[in-house]
Amino acid sequence: NINLASTVESPTTAYGLTVNGSGTTTFGGVVGGNSNPLLSITTDSAGTTAINTTAITTTGAQTYNDGVTLGAGTTLTTTDSLVWFKSTVGNSAAKALSISSGNGGATFANTVGATTALGAISLTTTGTTTFSNTVGAASLSSGTGTTVINGGSITTSGAQTYNGAVTLGADTTLTGT
C-alpha cells in the first residue's frame, strides 16, 4: 500500500507522479494545491486507487490504470489534458465527481458507479468525453465538447444534461428523472 496522507505539491517546477503498487494507493490530502500543480499523475493497473481528497490538480494528463474509489467529493483538474479512467470508478456512498480539463476531455473505459451510484458527475471540458460502459450517478452534466457513448446505459436519479453533441457507438439507454 502507498498512502499519501497529506498534500502533494510540485513547487517551482511541475513534476509528474507515477505510483506503482499492487495494494491500495491512497490520496488523502490535496494533490497539486496551493498553486503548485503536478505535471501528471499515473497509477498502475495492479492495485486500486482511493481518492479521499477534495482536489487533484495537474498541468498534464491524469491516468488511473487501476480501479478508483471515491472517498470524498472530488474535483480533478488538468490544463487541456485528458483525465482517463482505464478501470472502474466507484464509491461506497454517493460522492460527487467534477472534472475540469479544458480541451483535454475525459474517458471512462469501464463501469462508473456500478454497485453504488456516484453523486453528481460534472464535466467542464471542450474536449471529447467518452463513456464505454454502464454509468450510475445522481446526475450528469457534460461539457460542451462531444460526448461519445459506446453502449450500455447511463442511469441517474436526477437530470442528465449533454451540453455538446452526442455520438452513439452502440445501442444505449439513458434513464433519468
Protein backbone atom coordinates (compact mmCIF):
# COMPACT_ATOMS: atom_id res chain seq x y z
CA ASN A 1 0.00 0.00 0.00
CA ILE A 2 1.07 3.56 -0.71
CA ASN A 3 -0.60 6.20 1.47
CA LEU A 4 -0.12 9.85 0.54
CA ALA A 5 -1.95 11.09 3.65
CA SER A 6 -1.26 14.81 3.29
CA THR A 7 -0.67 17.31 0.50
CA VAL A 8 1.43 16.51 -2.56
CA GLU A 9 2.79 19.56 -4.38
CA SER A 10 5.32 20.45 -7.03
CA PRO A 11 6.53 23.99 -6.25
CA THR A 12 8.67 25.93 -8.74
CA THR A 13 8.62 23.17 -11.41
CA ALA A 14 5.75 20.81 -12.19
CA TYR A 15 6.91 17.19 -11.86
CA GLY A 16 4.98 14.03 -12.71
CA LEU A 17 3.97 11.39 -10.17
CA THR A 18 3.79 7.70 -11.10
CA VAL A 19 2.55 5.34 -8.41
CA ASN A 20 3.16 1.59 -8.84
CA GLY A 21 1.81 -0.77 -6.22
CA SER A 22 -0.19 -3.97 -6.04
CA GLY A 23 -2.12 -2.75 -2.99
CA THR A 24 -4.13 0.43 -2.48
CA THR A 25 -2.78 3.84 -3.43
CA THR A 26 -4.48 6.46 -1.25
CA PHE A 27 -4.56 10.17 -1.96
CA GLY A 28 -5.59 11.62 1.41
CA GLY A 29 -4.63 15.27 1.01
CA VAL A 30 -5.00 17.84 -1.74
CA VAL A 31 -2.72 16.99 -4.68
CA GLY A 32 -1.25 19.87 -6.66
CA GLY A 33 -2.81 22.53 -4.44
CA ASN A 34 -1.58 25.95 -3.32
CA SER A 35 -0.93 26.92 -6.96
CA ASN A 36 1.66 24.11 -7.18
CA PRO A 37 0.12 21.61 -9.63
CA LEU A 38 1.85 18.38 -10.56
CA LEU A 39 2.82 17.74 -14.19
CA SER A 40 0.84 14.48 -14.35
CA ILE A 41 -0.42 11.52 -12.33
CA THR A 42 -0.30 7.89 -13.44
CA THR A 43 -1.28 4.85 -11.38
CA ASP A 44 -0.51 1.29 -12.41
CA SER A 45 -3.13 -1.41 -13.01
CA ALA A 46 -2.05 -3.86 -10.31
CA GLY A 47 -3.89 -2.40 -7.31
CA THR A 48 -6.62 0.12 -6.56
CA THR A 49 -6.67 3.87 -6.03
CA ALA A 50 -8.60 5.57 -3.21
CA ILE A 51 -9.20 9.26 -3.86
CA ASN A 52 -10.05 10.55 -0.40
CA THR A 53 -9.26 14.19 -1.13
CA THR A 54 -11.28 17.08 -2.49
CA ALA A 55 -8.89 18.05 -5.30
CA ILE A 56 -6.19 16.75 -7.63
CA THR A 57 -4.63 19.30 -9.99
CA THR A 58 -2.13 18.70 -12.80
CA THR A 59 -0.96 20.64 -15.82
CA GLY A 60 -0.85 17.41 -17.84
CA ALA A 61 -2.81 14.17 -18.02
CA GLN A 62 -4.24 12.14 -15.17
CA THR A 63 -4.29 8.40 -15.96
CA TYR A 64 -5.79 5.97 -13.49
CA ASN A 65 -4.99 2.45 -14.74
CA ASP A 66 -6.50 0.68 -11.74
CA GLY A 67 -9.96 0.77 -10.17
CA VAL A 68 -10.73 4.07 -8.44
CA THR A 69 -12.86 4.50 -5.32
CA LEU A 70 -14.02 7.98 -4.32
CA GLY A 71 -13.93 8.56 -0.57
CA ALA A 72 -14.79 12.27 -0.89
CA GLY A 73 -16.44 14.59 -3.33
CA THR A 74 -13.53 15.30 -5.67
CA THR A 75 -12.54 17.78 -8.37
CA LEU A 76 -9.93 16.63 -10.89
CA THR A 77 -8.36 19.50 -12.84
CA THR A 78 -5.94 19.50 -15.78
CA THR A 79 -4.71 22.16 -18.16
CA ASP A 80 -6.05 20.98 -21.52
CA SER A 81 -5.15 17.33 -20.85
CA LEU A 82 -7.08 14.06 -20.66
CA VAL A 83 -8.43 12.54 -17.46
CA TRP A 84 -8.54 8.80 -18.20
CA PHE A 85 -10.08 6.09 -16.03
CA LYS A 86 -8.98 2.78 -17.57
CA SER A 87 -10.80 0.68 -14.95
CA THR A 88 -13.87 1.08 -12.74
CA VAL A 89 -14.89 4.18 -10.78
CA GLY A 90 -16.94 3.57 -7.64
CA ASN A 91 -17.75 4.72 -4.13
CA SER A 92 -19.43 3.37 -1.00
CA ALA A 93 -21.74 6.41 -0.67
CA ALA A 94 -22.76 8.92 -3.34
CA LYS A 95 -19.67 11.12 -3.82
CA ALA A 96 -19.60 13.87 -6.43
CA LEU A 97 -17.01 13.81 -9.22
CA SER A 98 -16.13 17.02 -11.06
CA ILE A 99 -13.64 17.11 -13.90
CA SER A 100 -12.29 20.31 -15.41
CA SER A 101 -9.93 19.50 -18.27
CA GLY A 102 -10.01 22.41 -20.72
CA ASN A 103 -9.90 20.86 -24.19
CA GLY A 104 -8.42 17.60 -22.82
CA GLY A 105 -11.63 15.63 -22.32
CA ALA A 106 -12.35 12.63 -20.12
CA THR A 107 -12.51 8.90 -20.81
CA PHE A 108 -14.32 6.31 -18.69
CA ALA A 109 -13.28 2.91 -20.09
CA ASN A 110 -15.19 0.76 -17.58
CA THR A 111 -18.21 0.96 -15.28
CA VAL A 112 -18.90 4.07 -13.22
CA GLY A 113 -20.98 3.80 -10.05
CA ALA A 114 -21.96 0.20 -10.78
CA THR A 115 -22.55 -1.00 -7.21
CA THR A 116 -23.38 2.34 -5.56
CA ALA A 117 -24.23 5.27 -7.82
CA LEU A 118 -21.87 8.24 -7.68
CA GLY A 119 -23.17 11.64 -6.65
CA ALA A 120 -23.31 14.35 -9.29
CA ILE A 121 -20.90 13.96 -12.21
CA SER A 122 -19.98 17.36 -13.63
CA LEU A 123 -17.68 17.66 -16.64
CA THR A 124 -16.26 21.00 -17.75
CA THR A 125 -14.41 20.37 -20.99
CA THR A 126 -14.47 21.35 -24.63
CA GLY A 127 -12.75 18.06 -25.46
CA THR A 128 -14.36 14.68 -26.04
CA THR A 129 -15.90 12.76 -23.14
CA THR A 130 -16.19 9.01 -23.70
CA PHE A 131 -18.31 6.55 -21.73
CA SER A 132 -17.58 2.93 -22.70
CA ASN A 133 -19.71 1.10 -20.14
CA THR A 134 -22.58 1.48 -17.67
CA VAL A 135 -22.80 4.68 -15.59
CA GLY A 136 -24.78 5.23 -12.37
CA ALA A 137 -24.93 8.67 -10.74
CA ALA A 138 -27.22 11.17 -9.05
CA SER A 139 -26.92 13.45 -12.09
CA LEU A 140 -24.71 14.04 -15.11
CA SER A 141 -23.71 17.27 -16.81
CA SER A 142 -21.32 17.05 -19.75
CA GLY A 143 -19.03 19.70 -21.15
CA THR A 144 -19.55 21.47 -24.46
CA GLY A 145 -17.35 19.01 -26.34
CA THR A 146 -18.68 15.84 -27.93
CA THR A 147 -19.91 13.06 -25.64
CA VAL A 148 -19.33 9.57 -27.05
CA ILE A 149 -21.45 6.78 -25.55
CA ASN A 150 -20.22 3.36 -26.61
CA GLY A 151 -23.15 1.33 -25.35
CA GLY A 152 -24.62 0.23 -22.07
CA SER A 153 -26.71 2.60 -20.03
CA ILE A 154 -26.44 5.87 -18.18
CA THR A 155 -28.81 5.94 -15.21
CA THR A 156 -29.30 8.92 -12.93
CA SER A 157 -31.75 9.67 -10.13
CA GLY A 158 -31.74 13.29 -11.33
CA ALA A 159 -31.16 15.15 -14.58
CA GLN A 160 -28.80 14.34 -17.43
CA THR A 161 -27.60 17.35 -19.43
CA TYR A 162 -25.45 16.95 -22.53
CA ASN A 163 -24.14 20.39 -23.48
CA GLY A 164 -22.42 19.32 -26.71
CA ALA A 165 -23.08 16.84 -29.49
CA VAL A 166 -23.70 13.20 -28.53
CA THR A 167 -22.35 10.33 -30.64
CA LEU A 168 -23.61 6.77 -30.09
CA GLY A 169 -21.19 3.92 -30.72
CA ALA A 170 -23.74 1.20 -29.85
CA ASP A 171 -27.26 0.74 -28.55
CA THR A 172 -27.63 2.94 -25.47
CA THR A 173 -30.25 3.50 -22.76
CA LEU A 174 -30.47 6.83 -20.92
CA THR A 175 -32.61 6.79 -17.76
CA GLY A 176 -33.14 9.83 -15.55
CA THR A 177 -35.75 11.97 -13.89
